[in-house]
Protein backbone atom coordinates (compact mmCIF):
# COMPACT_ATOMS: atom_id res chain seq x y z
CA MET A 1 15.15 -13.62 -9.60
CA ILE A 2 17.60 -9.96 -9.35
CA GLU A 3 15.51 -8.62 -12.25
CA LYS A 4 12.03 -9.32 -10.40
CA ILE A 5 13.43 -7.44 -7.04
CA ARG A 6 14.82 -4.50 -9.08
CA ARG A 7 11.75 -4.05 -11.27
CA ASP A 8 9.29 -4.14 -8.00
CA PRO A 9 11.50 -4.09 -4.60
CA GLU A 10 8.99 -4.98 -2.58
CA GLN A 11 6.79 -7.41 -3.88
CA GLY A 12 9.91 -8.93 -5.33
CA TRP A 13 11.62 -9.28 -2.35
CA ARG A 14 8.64 -10.80 -0.75
CA GLU A 15 8.16 -13.66 -3.43
CA ILE A 16 11.49 -14.72 -3.39
CA ARG A 17 11.59 -14.61 0.50
CA ASP A 18 8.02 -17.01 1.03
CA THR A 19 10.11 -19.35 -1.46
CA CYS A 20 13.53 -19.06 -0.96
CA ASP A 21 14.47 -18.17 2.69
CA TRP A 22 14.64 -21.91 4.10
CA LEU A 23 17.41 -22.35 1.32
CA SER A 24 21.35 -22.33 1.77
CA LEU A 25 23.35 -20.94 -0.95
CA ARG A 26 24.72 -24.64 -1.55
CA GLN A 27 20.94 -25.99 -1.55
CA PHE A 28 20.21 -23.19 -4.26
CA LEU A 29 22.93 -24.08 -6.77
CA GLU A 30 22.22 -28.02 -6.26
CA LEU A 31 18.67 -27.21 -7.27
CA HIS A 32 19.85 -25.49 -10.29
CA GLY A 33 21.78 -28.07 -11.29
CA TRP A 34 25.30 -27.04 -10.43
CA SER A 35 27.59 -30.06 -10.16
CA SER A 36 29.64 -30.28 -6.83
CA GLU A 37 33.01 -29.71 -8.76
CA ALA A 38 31.28 -26.42 -10.24
CA ILE A 39 30.29 -25.39 -6.54
CA GLU A 40 33.60 -25.97 -5.39
CA LEU A 41 34.89 -23.78 -8.14
CA TYR A 42 32.40 -21.11 -7.42
CA GLY A 43 33.54 -21.40 -3.78
CA LEU A 44 37.12 -20.98 -4.25
CA LEU A 45 36.95 -17.60 -6.77
CA GLU A 46 34.24 -15.74 -5.16
CA ASN A 47 35.64 -16.75 -1.65
CA THR A 48 32.19 -18.32 -0.62
CA GLU A 49 33.34 -21.63 0.81
CA SER A 50 32.63 -20.42 3.95
CA GLU A 51 29.14 -19.27 3.04
CA MET A 52 28.02 -22.26 1.27
CA ASP A 53 25.24 -22.72 4.41
CA THR A 54 24.53 -19.32 4.42
CA SER A 55 20.59 -18.49 3.47
CA ILE A 56 20.90 -17.61 -0.04
CA LEU A 57 18.70 -14.25 0.79
CA GLU A 58 22.00 -13.05 1.92
CA ILE A 59 24.03 -13.75 -1.43
CA VAL A 60 20.95 -12.43 -3.20
CA ARG A 61 20.89 -9.41 -1.44
CA GLU A 62 24.13 -8.39 -2.29
CA GLU A 63 23.63 -8.98 -5.89
CA VAL A 64 20.99 -6.65 -5.59
CA ASP A 65 22.43 -3.91 -3.89
CA GLU A 66 25.88 -4.36 -5.54
CA SER A 67 27.12 -3.95 -2.35
CA PHE A 68 30.94 -4.42 -3.46
CA GLY A 69 30.67 -2.15 -6.68
CA GLU A 70 31.65 1.30 -5.32
CA THR A 71 33.08 1.61 -1.61
CA TYR A 72 34.88 4.60 0.22
CA GLN A 73 36.90 5.10 2.84
CA ILE A 74 37.62 7.61 5.17
CA GLN A 75 40.98 9.87 4.56
CA GLY A 76 42.74 9.57 7.74
CA GLY A 77 41.48 6.31 9.16
CA THR A 78 37.68 5.18 10.11
CA ASP A 79 38.59 6.52 13.53
CA GLN A 80 38.18 10.04 12.19
CA LEU A 81 34.32 9.11 12.71
CA THR A 82 34.01 8.24 16.15
CA HIS A 83 36.60 11.11 17.00
CA ALA A 84 34.90 14.26 14.79
CA LEU A 85 30.89 12.51 16.77
CA TYR A 86 32.68 12.50 20.08
CA ARG A 87 34.04 15.96 19.81
CA GLY A 88 30.76 16.95 19.96
CA LEU A 89 29.51 14.64 22.76
CA ALA A 90 32.38 14.79 24.92
CA PRO A 91 30.47 15.93 27.81
CA ASN A 92 27.79 13.21 27.56
CA VAL A 93 29.99 10.30 26.88
CA ARG A 94 30.80 7.45 29.95
CA LEU A 95 34.22 5.48 28.43
CA GLY A 96 35.17 2.57 30.54
CA ALA A 97 32.01 1.53 31.62
CA VAL A 98 30.36 -1.70 31.00
CA VAL A 99 26.50 -2.11 30.72
CA ARG A 100 25.46 -4.93 33.59
CA ALA A 101 21.78 -4.31 33.13
CA ILE A 102 18.84 -2.68 31.26
CA GLU A 103 15.22 -1.96 32.98
CA GLN A 104 12.40 0.75 31.81
CA ASP A 105 8.51 1.41 32.79
CA SER A 106 6.10 3.45 31.31
CA CYS A 107 8.08 6.46 31.26
CA SER A 108 11.93 5.81 31.72
CA VAL A 109 14.63 3.64 30.78
CA THR A 110 17.53 2.82 33.21
CA VAL A 111 21.04 1.44 32.12
CA HIS A 112 22.86 -0.30 35.08
CA CYS A 113 26.76 -0.05 34.76
CA GLU A 114 30.09 -1.04 36.09
CA SER A 115 33.25 1.03 35.81
CA ALA A 116 37.08 0.53 37.58
CA GLY A 117 34.93 2.93 40.14
CA GLY A 118 32.55 1.07 40.71
CA ARG A 119 28.58 0.58 39.54
CA PHE A 120 26.39 3.20 38.60
CA SER A 121 23.22 3.91 36.53
CA GLU A 122 21.79 6.26 33.81
CA THR A 123 18.28 7.01 33.39
CA ALA A 124 16.48 8.80 30.11
CA ASP A 125 13.05 9.03 28.78
CA TYR A 126 14.12 6.45 25.96
CA MET A 127 17.27 4.30 24.89
CA ILE A 128 19.05 3.30 21.92
CA CYS A 129 20.60 -0.11 21.88
CA THR A 130 23.15 -0.64 19.66
CA ILE A 131 24.51 -3.44 21.67
CA PRO A 132 25.44 -6.95 19.65
CA PHE A 133 22.97 -9.85 20.02
CA PRO A 134 26.14 -11.89 21.39
CA VAL A 135 26.67 -9.33 23.68
CA LEU A 136 23.42 -8.39 25.20
CA ARG A 137 22.81 -12.10 25.74
CA HIS A 138 25.03 -11.67 28.49
CA ILE A 139 23.24 -8.42 29.84
CA GLU A 140 20.66 -9.01 32.37
CA VAL A 141 17.43 -7.59 31.15
CA LEU A 142 15.41 -6.79 34.08
CA THR A 143 12.10 -5.73 32.47
CA PRO A 144 11.70 -8.76 29.76
CA PHE A 145 11.43 -7.91 26.30
CA SER A 146 9.11 -10.08 24.01
CA ARG A 147 9.54 -13.71 23.43
CA ALA A 148 9.95 -12.94 19.78
CA LYS A 149 13.44 -10.50 20.64
CA GLN A 150 14.32 -12.65 23.15
CA ARG A 151 14.55 -15.62 20.45
CA ALA A 152 16.19 -13.23 17.88
CA ILE A 153 18.85 -12.60 20.74
CA ARG A 154 19.40 -16.38 21.42
CA GLU A 155 19.58 -17.66 17.76
CA LEU A 156 20.90 -15.12 15.47
CA HIS A 157 23.67 -16.21 13.74
CA TYR A 158 26.78 -14.25 13.63
CA TYR A 159 29.55 -14.64 11.39
CA SER A 160 33.24 -14.85 12.31
CA SER A 161 35.97 -13.18 10.80
CA GLY A 162 39.25 -12.10 11.50
CA LYS A 163 42.28 -9.65 9.75
CA ILE A 164 45.80 -10.22 9.70
CA PHE A 165 48.12 -7.04 9.10
CA LEU A 166 52.08 -7.10 8.20
CA GLN A 167 54.06 -4.22 8.11
CA SER A 168 56.91 -4.20 5.69
CA ARG A 169 59.71 -2.47 5.58
CA SER A 170 59.50 -1.58 2.06
CA ARG A 171 56.57 -1.70 -0.59
CA PHE A 172 58.06 -4.39 -2.59
CA TRP A 173 54.66 -5.49 -4.52
CA GLU A 174 54.56 -2.01 -5.91
CA THR A 175 58.22 -1.59 -6.81
CA LYS A 176 58.84 -5.30 -8.09
CA ASP A 177 55.45 -6.19 -9.13
CA GLY A 178 53.62 -3.42 -10.00
CA ILE A 179 50.53 -3.94 -7.92
CA TYR A 180 49.15 -1.05 -6.46
CA GLY A 181 45.66 -1.80 -4.40
CA GLY A 182 43.60 -4.33 -5.15
CA ARG A 183 43.54 -8.02 -3.77
CA THR A 184 44.93 -11.48 -4.39
CA GLN A 185 42.61 -14.14 -4.06
CA THR A 186 43.56 -17.85 -3.17
CA ASP A 187 43.09 -20.98 -1.52
CA LEU A 188 45.57 -20.85 1.34
CA PRO A 189 44.38 -20.37 4.46
CA ILE A 190 45.15 -16.70 4.72
CA ARG A 191 42.44 -16.77 1.65
CA THR A 192 42.61 -12.90 0.81
CA LEU A 193 45.28 -10.93 0.48
CA TYR A 194 44.64 -6.90 0.61
CA TYR A 195 47.11 -4.17 -0.66
CA PRO A 196 46.52 -0.85 0.81
CA GLN A 197 47.89 2.20 -0.58
CA HIS A 198 47.78 4.24 2.45
CA GLY A 199 51.62 5.91 3.43
CA GLN A 200 52.90 5.47 0.09
CA GLU A 201 55.11 8.68 1.43
CA THR A 202 56.79 6.62 3.93
CA GLY A 203 58.15 4.10 1.98
CA ARG A 204 56.99 1.28 4.07
CA GLY A 205 53.68 -0.44 3.70
CA VAL A 206 51.59 -2.58 5.40
CA LEU A 207 49.62 -5.72 3.89
CA LEU A 208 46.19 -6.92 4.91
CA ALA A 209 47.62 -10.39 4.97
CA SER A 210 45.01 -12.22 5.67
CA TYR A 211 41.17 -11.30 5.51
CA THR A 212 38.85 -14.44 6.58
CA TRP A 213 35.50 -15.52 7.33
CA GLY A 214 33.01 -18.11 8.96
CA GLN A 215 35.23 -21.46 9.71
CA ASP A 216 38.66 -20.08 8.17
CA ALA A 217 38.46 -17.33 11.03
CA GLU A 218 37.81 -19.54 13.32
CA ARG A 219 40.58 -21.97 12.68
CA TRP A 220 42.92 -18.59 13.21
CA SER A 221 41.32 -17.84 16.08
CA ALA A 222 42.80 -21.49 17.54
CA LEU A 223 46.41 -19.95 17.25
CA THR A 224 48.20 -17.27 19.30
CA GLU A 225 48.82 -13.75 18.33
CA SER A 226 52.36 -14.63 17.49
CA ASP A 227 51.51 -17.56 15.75
CA ARG A 228 48.80 -15.95 13.54
CA ILE A 229 51.66 -13.60 12.75
CA ALA A 230 54.24 -16.52 12.24
CA ARG A 231 51.75 -18.42 9.85
CA ALA A 232 50.60 -15.21 7.52
CA VAL A 233 54.23 -14.76 6.72
CA GLU A 234 54.52 -18.05 5.78
CA TYR A 235 51.88 -18.17 3.44
CA VAL A 236 51.93 -14.75 2.07
CA ALA A 237 55.70 -15.61 1.17
CA LYS A 238 53.97 -18.53 -1.27
CA ILE A 239 52.91 -15.29 -3.25
CA HIS A 240 55.32 -12.80 -2.20
CA PRO A 241 59.08 -14.20 -1.33
CA GLU A 242 59.97 -11.04 -0.26
CA ILE A 243 57.84 -10.75 2.81
CA VAL A 244 59.97 -13.02 4.65
CA THR A 245 62.98 -10.47 4.97
CA GLU A 246 61.02 -7.30 4.78
CA VAL A 247 58.21 -8.18 7.28
CA GLU A 248 58.60 -5.76 10.32
CA GLY A 249 55.91 -7.45 12.59
CA GLY A 250 52.29 -7.52 12.41
CA VAL A 251 49.04 -7.60 14.51
CA SER A 252 45.86 -9.32 14.08
CA HIS A 253 42.05 -9.25 15.13
CA MET A 254 39.62 -11.86 15.47
CA TRP A 255 36.11 -10.46 15.95
CA GLN A 256 34.30 -13.72 17.54
CA ASN A 257 36.98 -13.55 20.24
CA ASP A 258 35.94 -9.43 21.03
CA PRO A 259 34.05 -9.50 24.05
CA TYR A 260 32.13 -6.45 23.18
CA ALA A 261 31.55 -8.01 19.39
CA GLY A 262 30.91 -11.85 19.55
CA GLY A 263 31.35 -12.13 16.30
CA ALA A 264 31.88 -9.74 13.14
CA TYR A 265 28.26 -9.45 11.75
CA ALA A 266 24.89 -11.02 11.84
CA LEU A 267 24.37 -13.32 8.78
CA TYR A 268 21.23 -14.97 8.29
CA GLN A 269 21.19 -19.01 8.16
CA PRO A 270 18.44 -19.97 6.42
CA GLY A 271 14.93 -19.09 7.63
CA GLN A 272 16.50 -16.60 9.84
CA GLU A 273 14.98 -13.64 7.38
CA THR A 274 11.12 -14.80 8.28
CA LEU A 275 11.97 -15.22 11.74
CA PHE A 276 14.36 -12.51 12.95
CA ALA A 277 14.17 -9.33 10.32
CA GLU A 278 11.16 -7.73 11.64
CA ALA A 279 11.29 -8.89 15.07
CA GLY A 280 14.75 -7.99 15.75
CA ALA A 281 14.57 -4.37 14.79
CA ALA A 282 11.02 -3.89 16.40
CA ALA A 283 11.31 -1.48 19.50
CA GLU A 284 10.68 -2.85 22.99
CA GLY A 285 8.63 -0.53 24.68
CA ARG A 286 11.29 2.45 24.85
CA ILE A 287 13.88 0.86 23.82
CA TYR A 288 15.10 1.00 20.20
CA PHE A 289 17.72 -0.79 18.54
CA ALA A 290 20.04 0.12 16.15
CA GLY A 291 23.54 -1.49 14.51
CA GLU A 292 24.30 -3.54 11.11
CA HIS A 293 22.49 -6.72 12.65
CA VAL A 294 18.90 -5.11 12.39
CA ALA A 295 19.60 -3.66 9.45
CA ARG A 296 18.52 -4.25 5.71
CA MET A 297 21.87 -4.82 4.69
CA ARG A 298 23.84 -6.21 7.19
CA ALA A 299 27.48 -6.23 7.85
CA TRP A 300 28.08 -2.41 6.76
CA MET A 301 29.14 0.34 9.02
CA GLN A 302 26.65 2.56 6.39
CA SER A 303 23.97 0.01 7.19
CA ALA A 304 24.93 0.65 11.02
CA ILE A 305 24.45 4.22 10.67
CA GLU A 306 21.39 4.39 8.99
CA THR A 307 19.50 2.41 11.81
CA GLY A 308 20.88 4.51 14.39
CA ILE A 309 19.26 7.51 12.39
CA GLN A 310 16.13 5.76 11.92
CA ALA A 311 15.76 4.72 15.89
CA ALA A 312 16.61 8.81 16.23
CA TYR A 313 13.57 9.64 14.12
CA ASP A 314 11.36 7.03 15.54
CA ILE A 315 12.62 8.30 19.32
CA HIS A 316 11.38 11.96 18.18
CA SER A 317 8.26 10.83 16.55
CA ALA A 318 7.14 8.67 19.67
CA ALA A 319 7.96 11.16 21.74
CA ASP A 320 5.70 13.78 20.01
CA ALA A 321 2.68 11.42 19.74
């Protein structure tokens, strides 16, 4: 399957989409003779238990693109990227404003917003809408989108995800266990434990004590912030007992609880590639769409950037037509 796509990406992907889009990961494995025990082991070792009802195409896409083969980080933190963008655009950026409604006509697009100072509107020739669909669902669209776009906004499946960080007064996992970077995969509620290498010069350390997706993340969401931290310490201690005396504090973030995200990222369920891939990304009049949720490779910041660049090119082309 993967070799077919690599030989002829366009034709190979079309054939696989037409035959497999309606299959979940679990159904695909069962059709290929995997036992229940083999599926369970695969889910535990590859951390895919929460993805078993996901479209098999999402898994194939990751394998074809080798998504986790080579990744990068921004020195000084990812917020360096947004800070750099802001420096060049500061006079035109309006912070602390929530979009309440969008409308357009044949010549312009108007966005109605609300801030601490009251309501205001901004009008432009075109709009690039990067609002995640769960959030866009609560914004009034005064000039209705097409039925296909409306359905994509209503139904596109978003995945839950959560991270819990613990700050330690020492980097005991390095000095005692010789762990420099990498991760520990578990069947505990924390699922995956990461060992960031930042800040080694300080002597202190931060553990990504829990990185969860799907149902695992939703179960953490049911707890208060303080309970999440306490439970994370308890589970990490099963692997690294030193955390009990070394922990200085913690913080967590659950993307499904974030009012400006509504979920971590789009993750297709069976059939949604066929239904929403084109409809979700298509422009609506003078409104163009960008973000990981309309990208070919969803869930990645890189993909979101690529769709933004593409939307800008498309607008320039439309304006010059």
